[in-house]
């Protein structure tokens, strides 16, 4: 047996406790990281979706007298139909009027359904 004093034994015990806590924390974090990795792989969506998709993008804003340059990205779409709008303001007003009529009709139906109950 070694002859260490009470002070040496206290230091040795404290060191062993610190080492045990550090090993426990590292082991816990390692197990947690492995479980998180497995869950991520199980919940990961397919890399390639079969849902139809398309988008139009541009890298800048164009003036009304400029010709716009667009990029088209698509997936699982047979064809795209683009139409030229000759009066964009009139078309937007018409679309807004249609939306208001649809919203008013929905509100009317909702009120009549609530009145029945």
Protein backbone atom coordinates (compact mmCIF):
# COMPACT_ATOMS: atom_id res chain seq x y z
CA UNK A 1 0.00 0.00 0.00
CA UNK A 2 1.16 3.45 -0.75
CA UNK A 3 1.52 5.95 1.98
CA UNK A 4 -0.50 8.89 0.84
CA UNK A 5 -1.93 11.23 3.32
CA UNK A 6 -5.57 12.16 3.69
CA UNK A 7 -5.03 15.11 1.35
CA UNK A 8 -3.69 12.79 -1.39
CA UNK A 9 -6.64 10.44 -0.98
CA UNK A 10 -9.11 13.32 -1.33
CA UNK A 11 -7.43 14.48 -4.52
CA UNK A 12 -7.42 10.92 -5.89
CA UNK A 13 -11.14 10.45 -5.08
CA UNK A 14 -12.07 13.81 -6.62
CA UNK A 15 -10.05 13.00 -9.76
CA UNK A 16 -11.78 9.62 -10.11
CA UNK A 17 -15.20 11.27 -9.74
CA UNK A 18 -14.33 13.85 -12.42
CA UNK A 19 -13.06 11.14 -14.79
CA UNK A 20 -16.22 9.05 -14.22
CA UNK A 21 -18.48 12.05 -14.89
CA UNK A 22 -16.59 12.95 -18.08
CA UNK A 23 -16.71 9.35 -19.36
CA UNK A 24 -20.43 9.17 -18.55
CA UNK A 25 -21.18 12.44 -20.35
CA UNK A 26 -19.20 11.40 -23.43
CA UNK A 27 -20.88 7.99 -23.49
CA UNK A 28 -24.34 9.57 -23.15
CA UNK A 29 -23.69 12.05 -25.96
CA UNK A 30 -22.33 9.29 -28.21
CA UNK A 31 -25.44 7.12 -27.68
CA UNK A 32 -27.72 10.11 -28.21
CA UNK A 33 -25.96 11.09 -31.44
CA UNK A 34 -26.28 7.55 -32.81
CA UNK A 35 -29.99 7.41 -31.99
CA UNK A 36 -30.57 10.84 -33.56
CA UNK A 37 -28.77 9.71 -36.71
CA UNK A 38 -30.95 6.60 -36.98
CA UNK A 39 -34.12 8.66 -36.50
CA UNK A 40 -33.01 11.15 -39.14
CA UNK A 41 -32.46 8.36 -41.66
CA UNK A 42 -35.87 6.83 -40.89
CA UNK A 43 -37.73 10.16 -41.21
CA UNK A 44 -35.81 11.44 -44.22
CA UNK A 45 -38.07 11.99 -47.23
CA UNK A 46 -37.16 10.50 -50.56
CA UNK A 47 -34.46 12.46 -52.36
CA UNK A 48 -36.59 12.57 -55.50
CA UNK A 49 -40.27 13.33 -55.19
CA UNK A 50 -42.77 12.17 -57.80
CA UNK A 51 -45.10 15.13 -57.14
CA UNK A 52 -45.62 17.36 -60.20
CA UNK A 53 -43.74 20.63 -59.85
CA UNK A 54 -42.78 23.68 -61.89
CA UNK A 55 -41.35 27.11 -61.13
CA UNK A 56 -40.51 30.27 -63.02
CA UNK A 57 -37.53 32.27 -61.77
CA UNK A 58 -35.48 35.26 -62.77
CA UNK A 59 -32.40 36.87 -61.32
CA UNK A 60 -33.60 40.48 -61.54
CA UNK A 61 -36.60 42.79 -61.93
CA UNK A 62 -37.54 43.96 -65.41
CA UNK A 63 -39.09 47.27 -66.44
CA UNK A 64 -42.42 47.20 -68.26
CA UNK A 65 -40.74 48.09 -71.55
CA UNK A 66 -38.06 45.35 -71.24
CA UNK A 67 -38.28 41.78 -72.39
CA UNK A 68 -38.21 39.47 -69.39
CA UNK A 69 -35.88 36.50 -69.30
CA UNK A 70 -37.17 33.61 -67.20
CA UNK A 71 -35.86 30.21 -66.21
CA UNK A 72 -38.28 27.30 -66.06
CA UNK A 73 -37.76 24.30 -63.78
CA UNK A 74 -40.17 21.38 -63.90
CA UNK A 75 -40.63 17.78 -62.85
CA UNK A 76 -43.35 15.28 -63.82
CA UNK A 77 -45.15 17.85 -65.99
CA UNK A 78 -46.15 16.88 -69.54
CA UNK A 79 -46.52 20.41 -70.86
CA UNK A 80 -46.85 24.03 -69.77
CA UNK A 81 -49.16 26.49 -71.51
CA UNK A 82 -48.05 30.15 -71.40
CA UNK A 83 -50.34 32.88 -72.66
CA UNK A 84 -49.64 36.52 -73.30
CA UNK A 85 -51.75 38.97 -71.33
CA UNK A 86 -52.35 42.08 -73.40
CA UNK A 87 -53.86 44.16 -70.58
CA UNK A 88 -52.26 43.06 -67.30
CA UNK A 89 -54.03 45.72 -65.22
CA UNK A 90 -57.45 44.79 -66.61
CA UNK A 91 -56.73 41.11 -66.10
CA UNK A 92 -55.73 41.73 -62.47
CA UNK A 93 -58.88 43.77 -61.81
CA UNK A 94 -61.01 41.03 -63.38
CA UNK A 95 -59.27 38.40 -61.23
CA UNK A 96 -59.82 40.54 -58.13
CA UNK A 97 -63.53 40.94 -58.96
CA UNK A 98 -63.88 37.18 -59.41
CA UNK A 99 -62.21 36.58 -56.05
CA UNK A 100 -64.54 39.06 -54.33
CA UNK A 101 -67.59 37.37 -55.85
CA UNK A 102 -66.37 33.94 -54.73
CA UNK A 103 -65.59 35.24 -51.22
CA UNK A 104 -69.01 36.92 -50.96
CA UNK A 105 -70.75 33.72 -52.08
CA UNK A 106 -68.79 31.67 -49.54
CA UNK A 107 -69.69 34.10 -46.76
CA UNK A 108 -73.36 33.95 -47.78
CA UNK A 109 -73.31 30.14 -47.74
CA UNK A 110 -71.59 30.16 -44.38
CA UNK A 111 -74.16 32.55 -42.90
CA UNK A 112 -77.07 30.48 -44.25
CA UNK A 113 -75.52 27.28 -42.89
CA UNK A 114 -75.12 28.88 -39.45
CA UNK A 115 -78.71 30.16 -39.52
CA UNK A 116 -80.04 26.61 -40.02
CA UNK A 117 -78.45 25.37 -36.81
